[in-house]
mmCIF file of all heavy atoms, coordinates in Angstrom:
data_MODEL
# 
_entry.id   MODEL 
# 
loop_
_atom_site.group_PDB 
_atom_site.id 
_atom_site.type_symbol 
_atom_site.label_atom_id 
_atom_site.label_alt_id 
_atom_site.label_comp_id 
_atom_site.label_asym_id 
_atom_site.label_entity_id 
_atom_site.label_seq_id 
_atom_site.pdbx_PDB_ins_code 
_atom_site.Cartn_x 
_atom_site.Cartn_y 
_atom_site.Cartn_z 
_atom_site.occupancy 
_atom_site.B_iso_or_equiv 
_atom_site.pdbx_formal_charge 
_atom_site.auth_seq_id 
_atom_site.auth_comp_id 
_atom_site.auth_asym_id 
_atom_site.auth_atom_id 
_atom_site.pdbx_PDB_model_num 
ATOM 1   N N   . GLU A 1 1  ? 7.823   -3.055  34.978 1.00 0.00 ? 1  GLU A N   1 
ATOM 2   C CA  . GLU A 1 1  ? 7.996   -3.166  33.519 1.00 0.00 ? 1  GLU A CA  1 
ATOM 3   C C   . GLU A 1 1  ? 6.881   -2.403  32.797 1.00 0.00 ? 1  GLU A C   1 
ATOM 4   O O   . GLU A 1 1  ? 7.142   -1.729  31.795 1.00 0.00 ? 1  GLU A O   1 
ATOM 5   C CB  . GLU A 1 1  ? 8.031   -4.627  33.119 1.00 0.00 ? 1  GLU A CB  1 
ATOM 6   C CG  . GLU A 1 1  ? 9.278   -5.356  33.558 1.00 0.00 ? 1  GLU A CG  1 
ATOM 7   C CD  . GLU A 1 1  ? 9.286   -6.816  33.228 1.00 0.00 ? 1  GLU A CD  1 
ATOM 8   O OE1 . GLU A 1 1  ? 8.161   -7.376  32.960 1.00 0.00 ? 1  GLU A OE1 1 
ATOM 9   O OE2 . GLU A 1 1  ? 10.348  -7.436  33.183 1.00 0.00 ? 1  GLU A OE2 1 
ATOM 10  N N   . LYS A 1 2  ? 5.687   -2.517  33.301 1.00 0.00 ? 2  LYS A N   1 
ATOM 11  C CA  . LYS A 1 2  ? 4.559   -1.785  32.739 1.00 0.00 ? 2  LYS A CA  1 
ATOM 12  C C   . LYS A 1 2  ? 4.780   -0.276  32.859 1.00 0.00 ? 2  LYS A C   1 
ATOM 13  O O   . LYS A 1 2  ? 4.527   0.495   31.925 1.00 0.00 ? 2  LYS A O   1 
ATOM 14  C CB  . LYS A 1 2  ? 3.273   -2.188  33.432 1.00 0.00 ? 2  LYS A CB  1 
ATOM 15  C CG  . LYS A 1 2  ? 2.024   -1.483  32.916 1.00 0.00 ? 2  LYS A CG  1 
ATOM 16  C CD  . LYS A 1 2  ? 0.797   -1.947  33.673 1.00 0.00 ? 2  LYS A CD  1 
ATOM 17  C CE  . LYS A 1 2  ? -0.460  -1.201  33.261 1.00 0.00 ? 2  LYS A CE  1 
ATOM 18  N NZ  . LYS A 1 2  ? -1.650  -1.602  34.036 1.00 0.00 ? 2  LYS A NZ  1 
ATOM 19  N N   . GLN A 1 3  ? 5.258   0.153   34.011 1.00 0.00 ? 3  GLN A N   1 
ATOM 20  C CA  . GLN A 1 3  ? 5.523   1.592   34.251 1.00 0.00 ? 3  GLN A CA  1 
ATOM 21  C C   . GLN A 1 3  ? 6.599   2.108   33.311 1.00 0.00 ? 3  GLN A C   1 
ATOM 22  O O   . GLN A 1 3  ? 6.569   3.281   32.926 1.00 0.00 ? 3  GLN A O   1 
ATOM 23  C CB  . GLN A 1 3  ? 5.962   1.812   35.700 1.00 0.00 ? 3  GLN A CB  1 
ATOM 24  C CG  . GLN A 1 3  ? 4.894   1.555   36.726 1.00 0.00 ? 3  GLN A CG  1 
ATOM 25  C CD  . GLN A 1 3  ? 3.709   2.497   36.642 1.00 0.00 ? 3  GLN A CD  1 
ATOM 26  O OE1 . GLN A 1 3  ? 2.646   2.121   36.167 1.00 0.00 ? 3  GLN A OE1 1 
ATOM 27  N NE2 . GLN A 1 3  ? 3.915   3.727   37.063 1.00 0.00 ? 3  GLN A NE2 1 
ATOM 28  N N   . SER A 1 4  ? 7.536   1.262   32.961 1.00 0.00 ? 4  SER A N   1 
ATOM 29  C CA  . SER A 1 4  ? 8.667   1.702   32.092 1.00 0.00 ? 4  SER A CA  1 
ATOM 30  C C   . SER A 1 4  ? 8.352   1.559   30.608 1.00 0.00 ? 4  SER A C   1 
ATOM 31  O O   . SER A 1 4  ? 9.126   1.944   29.758 1.00 0.00 ? 4  SER A O   1 
ATOM 32  C CB  . SER A 1 4  ? 9.928   0.895   32.415 1.00 0.00 ? 4  SER A CB  1 
ATOM 33  O OG  . SER A 1 4  ? 9.767   -0.459  32.008 1.00 0.00 ? 4  SER A OG  1 
ATOM 34  N N   . GLY A 1 5  ? 7.188   0.957   30.324 1.00 0.00 ? 5  GLY A N   1 
ATOM 35  C CA  . GLY A 1 5  ? 6.803   0.738   28.925 1.00 0.00 ? 5  GLY A CA  1 
ATOM 36  C C   . GLY A 1 5  ? 7.352   -0.563  28.372 1.00 0.00 ? 5  GLY A C   1 
ATOM 37  O O   . GLY A 1 5  ? 7.192   -0.857  27.195 1.00 0.00 ? 5  GLY A O   1 
ATOM 38  N N   . LYS A 1 6  ? 7.990   -1.331  29.217 1.00 0.00 ? 6  LYS A N   1 
ATOM 39  C CA  . LYS A 1 6  ? 8.577   -2.611  28.804 1.00 0.00 ? 6  LYS A CA  1 
ATOM 40  C C   . LYS A 1 6  ? 7.539   -3.712  29.029 1.00 0.00 ? 6  LYS A C   1 
ATOM 41  O O   . LYS A 1 6  ? 7.564   -4.436  30.022 1.00 0.00 ? 6  LYS A O   1 
ATOM 42  C CB  . LYS A 1 6  ? 9.828   -2.896  29.602 1.00 0.00 ? 6  LYS A CB  1 
ATOM 43  C CG  . LYS A 1 6  ? 10.602  -4.125  29.159 1.00 0.00 ? 6  LYS A CG  1 
ATOM 44  C CD  . LYS A 1 6  ? 11.862  -4.302  30.019 1.00 0.00 ? 6  LYS A CD  1 
ATOM 45  C CE  . LYS A 1 6  ? 12.626  -5.544  29.631 1.00 0.00 ? 6  LYS A CE  1 
ATOM 46  N NZ  . LYS A 1 6  ? 13.830  -5.715  30.504 1.00 0.00 ? 6  LYS A NZ  1 
ATOM 47  N N   . ILE A 1 7  ? 6.571   -3.786  28.107 1.00 0.00 ? 7  ILE A N   1 
ATOM 48  C CA  . ILE A 1 7  ? 5.452   -4.720  28.255 1.00 0.00 ? 7  ILE A CA  1 
ATOM 49  C C   . ILE A 1 7  ? 5.566   -5.835  27.252 1.00 0.00 ? 7  ILE A C   1 
ATOM 50  O O   . ILE A 1 7  ? 5.779   -5.599  26.052 1.00 0.00 ? 7  ILE A O   1 
ATOM 51  C CB  . ILE A 1 7  ? 4.108   -3.982  28.065 1.00 0.00 ? 7  ILE A CB  1 
ATOM 52  C CG1 . ILE A 1 7  ? 4.016   -2.807  29.036 1.00 0.00 ? 7  ILE A CG1 1 
ATOM 53  C CG2 . ILE A 1 7  ? 2.932   -4.950  28.277 1.00 0.00 ? 7  ILE A CG2 1 
ATOM 54  C CD1 . ILE A 1 7  ? 2.818   -1.906  28.802 1.00 0.00 ? 7  ILE A CD1 1 
ATOM 55  N N   . SER A 1 8  ? 5.463   -7.052  27.707 1.00 0.00 ? 8  SER A N   1 
ATOM 56  C CA  . SER A 1 8  ? 5.493   -8.192  26.802 1.00 0.00 ? 8  SER A CA  1 
ATOM 57  C C   . SER A 1 8  ? 4.142   -8.347  26.141 1.00 0.00 ? 8  SER A C   1 
ATOM 58  O O   . SER A 1 8  ? 3.089   -8.400  26.803 1.00 0.00 ? 8  SER A O   1 
ATOM 59  C CB  . SER A 1 8  ? 5.822   -9.486  27.560 1.00 0.00 ? 8  SER A CB  1 
ATOM 60  O OG  . SER A 1 8  ? 7.080   -9.366  28.205 1.00 0.00 ? 8  SER A OG  1 
ATOM 61  N N   . ILE A 1 9  ? 4.151   -8.386  24.821 1.00 0.00 ? 9  ILE A N   1 
ATOM 62  C CA  . ILE A 1 9  ? 2.883   -8.510  24.077 1.00 0.00 ? 9  ILE A CA  1 
ATOM 63  C C   . ILE A 1 9  ? 2.872   -9.856  23.381 1.00 0.00 ? 9  ILE A C   1 
ATOM 64  O O   . ILE A 1 9  ? 3.794   -10.193 22.609 1.00 0.00 ? 9  ILE A O   1 
ATOM 65  C CB  . ILE A 1 9  ? 2.746   -7.393  23.028 1.00 0.00 ? 9  ILE A CB  1 
ATOM 66  C CG1 . ILE A 1 9  ? 2.796   -6.028  23.744 1.00 0.00 ? 9  ILE A CG1 1 
ATOM 67  C CG2 . ILE A 1 9  ? 1.464   -7.554  22.236 1.00 0.00 ? 9  ILE A CG2 1 
ATOM 68  C CD1 . ILE A 1 9  ? 2.772   -4.853  22.778 1.00 0.00 ? 9  ILE A CD1 1 
ATOM 69  N N   . ALA A 1 10 ? 1.885   -10.650 23.663 1.00 0.00 ? 10 ALA A N   1 
ATOM 70  C CA  . ALA A 1 10 ? 1.794   -11.983 23.058 1.00 0.00 ? 10 ALA A CA  1 
ATOM 71  C C   . ALA A 1 10 ? 1.511   -11.865 21.568 1.00 0.00 ? 10 ALA A C   1 
ATOM 72  O O   . ALA A 1 10 ? 0.722   -11.019 21.130 1.00 0.00 ? 10 ALA A O   1 
ATOM 73  C CB  . ALA A 1 10 ? 0.692   -12.779 23.726 1.00 0.00 ? 10 ALA A CB  1 
ATOM 74  N N   . ASP A 1 11 ? 2.181   -12.688 20.777 1.00 0.00 ? 11 ASP A N   1 
ATOM 75  C CA  . ASP A 1 11 ? 1.921   -12.691 19.339 1.00 0.00 ? 11 ASP A CA  1 
ATOM 76  C C   . ASP A 1 11 ? 0.543   -13.232 19.060 1.00 0.00 ? 11 ASP A C   1 
ATOM 77  O O   . ASP A 1 11 ? 0.057   -14.150 19.744 1.00 0.00 ? 11 ASP A O   1 
ATOM 78  C CB  . ASP A 1 11 ? 2.962   -13.576 18.615 1.00 0.00 ? 11 ASP A CB  1 
ATOM 79  C CG  . ASP A 1 11 ? 4.362   -12.997 18.737 1.00 0.00 ? 11 ASP A CG  1 
ATOM 80  O OD1 . ASP A 1 11 ? 4.471   -11.768 18.874 1.00 0.00 ? 11 ASP A OD1 1 
ATOM 81  O OD2 . ASP A 1 11 ? 5.330   -13.791 18.700 1.00 0.00 ? 11 ASP A OD2 1 
ATOM 82  N N   . GLN A 1 12 ? -0.081  -12.674 18.030 1.00 0.00 ? 12 GLN A N   1 
ATOM 83  C CA  . GLN A 1 12 ? -1.381  -13.172 17.657 1.00 0.00 ? 12 GLN A CA  1 
ATOM 84  C C   . GLN A 1 12 ? -1.234  -14.564 17.053 1.00 0.00 ? 12 GLN A C   1 
ATOM 85  O O   . GLN A 1 12 ? -0.355  -14.817 16.261 1.00 0.00 ? 12 GLN A O   1 
ATOM 86  C CB  . GLN A 1 12 ? -2.034  -12.246 16.626 1.00 0.00 ? 12 GLN A CB  1 
ATOM 87  C CG  . GLN A 1 12 ? -2.478  -10.918 17.217 1.00 0.00 ? 12 GLN A CG  1 
ATOM 88  C CD  . GLN A 1 12 ? -3.268  -10.107 16.223 1.00 0.00 ? 12 GLN A CD  1 
ATOM 89  O OE1 . GLN A 1 12 ? -3.279  -10.406 15.018 1.00 0.00 ? 12 GLN A OE1 1 
ATOM 90  N NE2 . GLN A 1 12 ? -3.914  -9.072  16.682 1.00 0.00 ? 12 GLN A NE2 1 
ATOM 91  N N   . GLN A 1 13 ? -2.070  -15.470 17.493 1.00 0.00 ? 13 GLN A N   1 
ATOM 92  C CA  . GLN A 1 13 ? -1.995  -16.826 16.997 1.00 0.00 ? 13 GLN A CA  1 
ATOM 93  C C   . GLN A 1 13 ? -2.733  -16.917 15.693 1.00 0.00 ? 13 GLN A C   1 
ATOM 94  O O   . GLN A 1 13 ? -3.895  -16.509 15.575 1.00 0.00 ? 13 GLN A O   1 
ATOM 95  C CB  . GLN A 1 13 ? -2.597  -17.792 18.002 1.00 0.00 ? 13 GLN A CB  1 
ATOM 96  C CG  . GLN A 1 13 ? -1.819  -17.861 19.324 1.00 0.00 ? 13 GLN A CG  1 
ATOM 97  C CD  . GLN A 1 13 ? -2.438  -18.829 20.278 1.00 0.00 ? 13 GLN A CD  1 
ATOM 98  O OE1 . GLN A 1 13 ? -3.521  -19.343 20.033 1.00 0.00 ? 13 GLN A OE1 1 
ATOM 99  N NE2 . GLN A 1 13 ? -1.719  -19.122 21.350 1.00 0.00 ? 13 GLN A NE2 1 
ATOM 100 N N   . GLY A 1 14 ? -2.043  -17.474 14.718 1.00 0.00 ? 14 GLY A N   1 
ATOM 101 C CA  . GLY A 1 14 ? -2.703  -17.684 13.417 1.00 0.00 ? 14 GLY A CA  1 
ATOM 102 C C   . GLY A 1 14 ? -3.654  -18.857 13.534 1.00 0.00 ? 14 GLY A C   1 
ATOM 103 O O   . GLY A 1 14 ? -3.445  -19.799 14.241 1.00 0.00 ? 14 GLY A O   1 
ATOM 104 N N   . SER A 1 15 ? -4.720  -18.791 12.829 1.00 0.00 ? 15 SER A N   1 
ATOM 105 C CA  . SER A 1 15 ? -5.665  -19.912 12.818 1.00 0.00 ? 15 SER A CA  1 
ATOM 106 C C   . SER A 1 15 ? -6.490  -19.883 11.527 1.00 0.00 ? 15 SER A C   1 
ATOM 107 O O   . SER A 1 15 ? -6.482  -18.905 10.794 1.00 0.00 ? 15 SER A O   1 
ATOM 108 C CB  . SER A 1 15 ? -6.622  -19.790 13.997 1.00 0.00 ? 15 SER A CB  1 
ATOM 109 O OG  . SER A 1 15 ? -7.476  -18.672 13.837 1.00 0.00 ? 15 SER A OG  1 
ATOM 110 N N   . GLU A 1 16 ? -7.127  -20.980 11.303 1.00 0.00 ? 16 GLU A N   1 
ATOM 111 C CA  . GLU A 1 16 ? -7.963  -21.070 10.108 1.00 0.00 ? 16 GLU A CA  1 
ATOM 112 C C   . GLU A 1 16 ? -9.090  -20.055 10.158 1.00 0.00 ? 16 GLU A C   1 
ATOM 113 O O   . GLU A 1 16 ? -9.556  -19.542 9.148  1.00 0.00 ? 16 GLU A O   1 
ATOM 114 C CB  . GLU A 1 16 ? -8.536  -22.466 9.953  1.00 0.00 ? 16 GLU A CB  1 
ATOM 115 C CG  . GLU A 1 16 ? -7.502  -23.533 9.666  1.00 0.00 ? 16 GLU A CG  1 
ATOM 116 C CD  . GLU A 1 16 ? -8.103  -24.901 9.516  1.00 0.00 ? 16 GLU A CD  1 
ATOM 117 O OE1 . GLU A 1 16 ? -9.345  -24.988 9.555  1.00 0.00 ? 16 GLU A OE1 1 
ATOM 118 O OE2 . GLU A 1 16 ? -7.343  -25.880 9.369  1.00 0.00 ? 16 GLU A OE2 1 
ATOM 119 N N   . GLN A 1 17 ? -9.515  -19.733 11.399 1.00 0.00 ? 17 GLN A N   1 
ATOM 120 C CA  . GLN A 1 17 ? -10.639 -18.800 11.551 1.00 0.00 ? 17 GLN A CA  1 
ATOM 121 C C   . GLN A 1 17 ? -10.309 -17.407 11.068 1.00 0.00 ? 17 GLN A C   1 
ATOM 122 O O   . GLN A 1 17 ? -11.138 -16.704 10.570 1.00 0.00 ? 17 GLN A O   1 
ATOM 123 C CB  . GLN A 1 17 ? -11.063 -18.733 13.039 1.00 0.00 ? 17 GLN A CB  1 
ATOM 124 C CG  . GLN A 1 17 ? -11.715 -20.025 13.526 1.00 0.00 ? 17 GLN A CG  1 
ATOM 125 C CD  . GLN A 1 17 ? -12.124 -19.927 14.976 1.00 0.00 ? 17 GLN A CD  1 
ATOM 126 O OE1 . GLN A 1 17 ? -11.707 -19.003 15.671 1.00 0.00 ? 17 GLN A OE1 1 
ATOM 127 N NE2 . GLN A 1 17 ? -12.934 -20.858 15.416 1.00 0.00 ? 17 GLN A NE2 1 
ATOM 128 N N   . GLU A 1 18 ? -8.974  -17.013 11.231 1.00 0.00 ? 18 GLU A N   1 
ATOM 129 C CA  . GLU A 1 18 ? -8.579  -15.682 10.795 1.00 0.00 ? 18 GLU A CA  1 
ATOM 130 C C   . GLU A 1 18 ? -8.690  -15.567 9.280  1.00 0.00 ? 18 GLU A C   1 
ATOM 131 O O   . GLU A 1 18 ? -8.953  -14.469 8.762  1.00 0.00 ? 18 GLU A O   1 
ATOM 132 C CB  . GLU A 1 18 ? -7.129  -15.423 11.201 1.00 0.00 ? 18 GLU A CB  1 
ATOM 133 C CG  . GLU A 1 18 ? -6.947  -15.112 12.682 1.00 0.00 ? 18 GLU A CG  1 
ATOM 134 C CD  . GLU A 1 18 ? -5.516  -14.699 12.962 1.00 0.00 ? 18 GLU A CD  1 
ATOM 135 O OE1 . GLU A 1 18 ? -5.125  -13.602 12.520 1.00 0.00 ? 18 GLU A OE1 1 
ATOM 136 O OE2 . GLU A 1 18 ? -4.814  -15.497 13.602 1.00 0.00 ? 18 GLU A OE2 1 
ATOM 137 N N   . ASN A 1 19 ? -8.452  -16.637 8.593  1.00 0.00 ? 19 ASN A N   1 
ATOM 138 C CA  . ASN A 1 19 ? -8.451  -16.621 7.126  1.00 0.00 ? 19 ASN A CA  1 
ATOM 139 C C   . ASN A 1 19 ? -9.806  -16.962 6.523  1.00 0.00 ? 19 ASN A C   1 
ATOM 140 O O   . ASN A 1 19 ? -9.991  -16.903 5.300  1.00 0.00 ? 19 ASN A O   1 
ATOM 141 C CB  . ASN A 1 19 ? -7.390  -17.579 6.584  1.00 0.00 ? 19 ASN A CB  1 
ATOM 142 C CG  . ASN A 1 19 ? -6.006  -17.217 7.091  1.00 0.00 ? 19 ASN A CG  1 
ATOM 143 O OD1 . ASN A 1 19 ? -5.653  -16.041 7.123  1.00 0.00 ? 19 ASN A OD1 1 
ATOM 144 N ND2 . ASN A 1 19 ? -5.216  -18.224 7.488  1.00 0.00 ? 19 ASN A ND2 1 
ATOM 145 N N   . ARG A 1 20 ? -10.680 -17.381 7.403  1.00 0.00 ? 20 ARG A N   1 
ATOM 146 C CA  . ARG A 1 20 ? -11.977 -17.777 6.902  1.00 0.00 ? 20 ARG A CA  1 
ATOM 147 C C   . ARG A 1 20 ? -12.789 -16.581 6.513  1.00 0.00 ? 20 ARG A C   1 
ATOM 148 O O   . ARG A 1 20 ? -12.881 -15.598 7.248  1.00 0.00 ? 20 ARG A O   1 
ATOM 149 C CB  . ARG A 1 20 ? -12.729 -18.588 7.973  1.00 0.00 ? 20 ARG A CB  1 
ATOM 150 C CG  . ARG A 1 20 ? -14.023 -19.221 7.464  1.00 0.00 ? 20 ARG A CG  1 
ATOM 151 C CD  . ARG A 1 20 ? -14.712 -19.956 8.609  1.00 0.00 ? 20 ARG A CD  1 
ATOM 152 N NE  . ARG A 1 20 ? -13.840 -20.990 9.148  1.00 0.00 ? 20 ARG A NE  1 
ATOM 153 C CZ  . ARG A 1 20 ? -13.993 -21.519 10.344 1.00 0.00 ? 20 ARG A CZ  1 
ATOM 154 N NH1 . ARG A 1 20 ? -14.895 -21.037 11.155 1.00 0.00 ? 20 ARG A NH1 1 
ATOM 155 N NH2 . ARG A 1 20 ? -13.153 -22.446 10.740 1.00 0.00 ? 20 ARG A NH2 1 
ATOM 156 N N   . ARG A 1 21 ? -13.353 -16.633 5.355  1.00 0.00 ? 21 ARG A N   1 
ATOM 157 C CA  . ARG A 1 21 ? -14.181 -15.522 4.848  1.00 0.00 ? 21 ARG A CA  1 
ATOM 158 C C   . ARG A 1 21 ? -15.525 -16.061 4.382  1.00 0.00 ? 21 ARG A C   1 
ATOM 159 O O   . ARG A 1 21 ? -15.564 -16.933 3.503  1.00 0.00 ? 21 ARG A O   1 
ATOM 160 C CB  . ARG A 1 21 ? -13.493 -14.808 3.668  1.00 0.00 ? 21 ARG A CB  1 
ATOM 161 C CG  . ARG A 1 21 ? -12.148 -14.182 4.032  1.00 0.00 ? 21 ARG A CG  1 
ATOM 162 C CD  . ARG A 1 21 ? -12.374 -12.936 4.898  1.00 0.00 ? 21 ARG A CD  1 
ATOM 163 N NE  . ARG A 1 21 ? -11.127 -12.249 5.179  1.00 0.00 ? 21 ARG A NE  1 
ATOM 164 C CZ  . ARG A 1 21 ? -10.362 -12.515 6.231  1.00 0.00 ? 21 ARG A CZ  1 
ATOM 165 N NH1 . ARG A 1 21 ? -10.709 -13.434 7.099  1.00 0.00 ? 21 ARG A NH1 1 
ATOM 166 N NH2 . ARG A 1 21 ? -9.232  -11.847 6.412  1.00 0.00 ? 21 ARG A NH2 1 
ATOM 167 N N   . ARG A 1 22 ? -16.534 -15.596 4.983  1.00 0.00 ? 22 ARG A N   1 
ATOM 168 C CA  . ARG A 1 22 ? -17.867 -16.000 4.517  1.00 0.00 ? 22 ARG A CA  1 
ATOM 169 C C   . ARG A 1 22 ? -18.859 -14.916 4.935  1.00 0.00 ? 22 ARG A C   1 
ATOM 170 O O   . ARG A 1 22 ? -18.639 -14.201 5.889  1.00 0.00 ? 22 ARG A O   1 
ATOM 171 C CB  . ARG A 1 22 ? -18.286 -17.337 5.094  1.00 0.00 ? 22 ARG A CB  1 
ATOM 172 C CG  . ARG A 1 22 ? -18.619 -17.354 6.565  1.00 0.00 ? 22 ARG A CG  1 
ATOM 173 C CD  . ARG A 1 22 ? -19.016 -18.733 7.010  1.00 0.00 ? 22 ARG A CD  1 
ATOM 174 N NE  . ARG A 1 22 ? -19.371 -18.791 8.413  1.00 0.00 ? 22 ARG A NE  1 
ATOM 175 C CZ  . ARG A 1 22 ? -20.558 -18.537 8.888  1.00 0.00 ? 22 ARG A CZ  1 
ATOM 176 N NH1 . ARG A 1 22 ? -21.562 -18.201 8.071  1.00 0.00 ? 22 ARG A NH1 1 
ATOM 177 N NH2 . ARG A 1 22 ? -20.802 -18.627 10.185 1.00 0.00 ? 22 ARG A NH2 1 
ATOM 178 N N   . GLU A 1 23 ? -19.921 -14.815 4.218  1.00 0.00 ? 23 GLU A N   1 
ATOM 179 C CA  . GLU A 1 23 ? -20.952 -13.872 4.543  1.00 0.00 ? 23 GLU A CA  1 
ATOM 180 C C   . GLU A 1 23 ? -21.872 -14.441 5.581  1.00 0.00 ? 23 GLU A C   1 
ATOM 181 O O   . GLU A 1 23 ? -22.291 -15.605 5.489  1.00 0.00 ? 23 GLU A O   1 
ATOM 182 C CB  . GLU A 1 23 ? -21.762 -13.513 3.281  1.00 0.00 ? 23 GLU A CB  1 
ATOM 183 C CG  . GLU A 1 23 ? -20.969 -12.722 2.246  1.00 0.00 ? 23 GLU A CG  1 
ATOM 184 C CD  . GLU A 1 23 ? -21.860 -12.301 1.097  1.00 0.00 ? 23 GLU A CD  1 
ATOM 185 O OE1 . GLU A 1 23 ? -23.057 -12.595 1.147  1.00 0.00 ? 23 GLU A OE1 1 
ATOM 186 O OE2 . GLU A 1 23 ? -21.325 -11.670 0.174  1.00 0.00 ? 23 GLU A OE2 1 
ATOM 187 N N   . LEU A 1 24 ? -22.188 -13.624 6.621  1.00 0.00 ? 24 LEU A N   1 
ATOM 188 C CA  . LEU A 1 24 ? -23.080 -14.073 7.663  1.00 0.00 ? 24 LEU A CA  1 
ATOM 189 C C   . LEU A 1 24 ? -24.533 -13.814 7.268  1.00 0.00 ? 24 LEU A C   1 
ATOM 190 O O   . LEU A 1 24 ? -24.839 -12.815 6.606  1.00 0.00 ? 24 LEU A O   1 
ATOM 191 C CB  . LEU A 1 24 ? -22.794 -13.326 8.963  1.00 0.00 ? 24 LEU A CB  1 
ATOM 192 C CG  . LEU A 1 24 ? -21.412 -13.598 9.585  1.00 0.00 ? 24 LEU A CG  1 
ATOM 193 C CD1 . LEU A 1 24 ? -21.242 -12.689 10.805 1.00 0.00 ? 24 LEU A CD1 1 
ATOM 194 C CD2 . LEU A 1 24 ? -21.259 -15.029 9.979  1.00 0.00 ? 24 LEU A CD2 1 
ATOM 195 N N   . LEU A 1 25 ? -25.399 -14.723 7.675  1.00 0.00 ? 25 LEU A N   1 
ATOM 196 C CA  . LEU A 1 25 ? -26.820 -14.481 7.475  1.00 0.00 ? 25 LEU A CA  1 
ATOM 197 C C   . LEU A 1 25 ? -27.259 -13.349 8.347  1.00 0.00 ? 25 LEU A C   1 
ATOM 198 O O   . LEU A 1 25 ? -26.646 -13.050 9.391  1.00 0.00 ? 25 LEU A O   1 
ATOM 199 C CB  . LEU A 1 25 ? -27.614 -15.750 7.816  1.00 0.00 ? 25 LEU A CB  1 
ATOM 200 C CG  . LEU A 1 25 ? -27.297 -17.000 6.959  1.00 0.00 ? 25 LEU A CG  1 
ATOM 201 C CD1 . LEU A 1 25 ? -28.040 -18.214 7.503  1.00 0.00 ? 25 LEU A CD1 1 
ATOM 202 C CD2 . LEU A 1 25 ? -27.666 -16.762 5.512  1.00 0.00 ? 25 LEU A CD2 1 
# 
């Protein structure tokens, strides 16, 4: 399947961390 380009790609899991926005020290 990999050789043929038929590769299963897992969906990105949504999480609170993806939406979290803060400035790092």
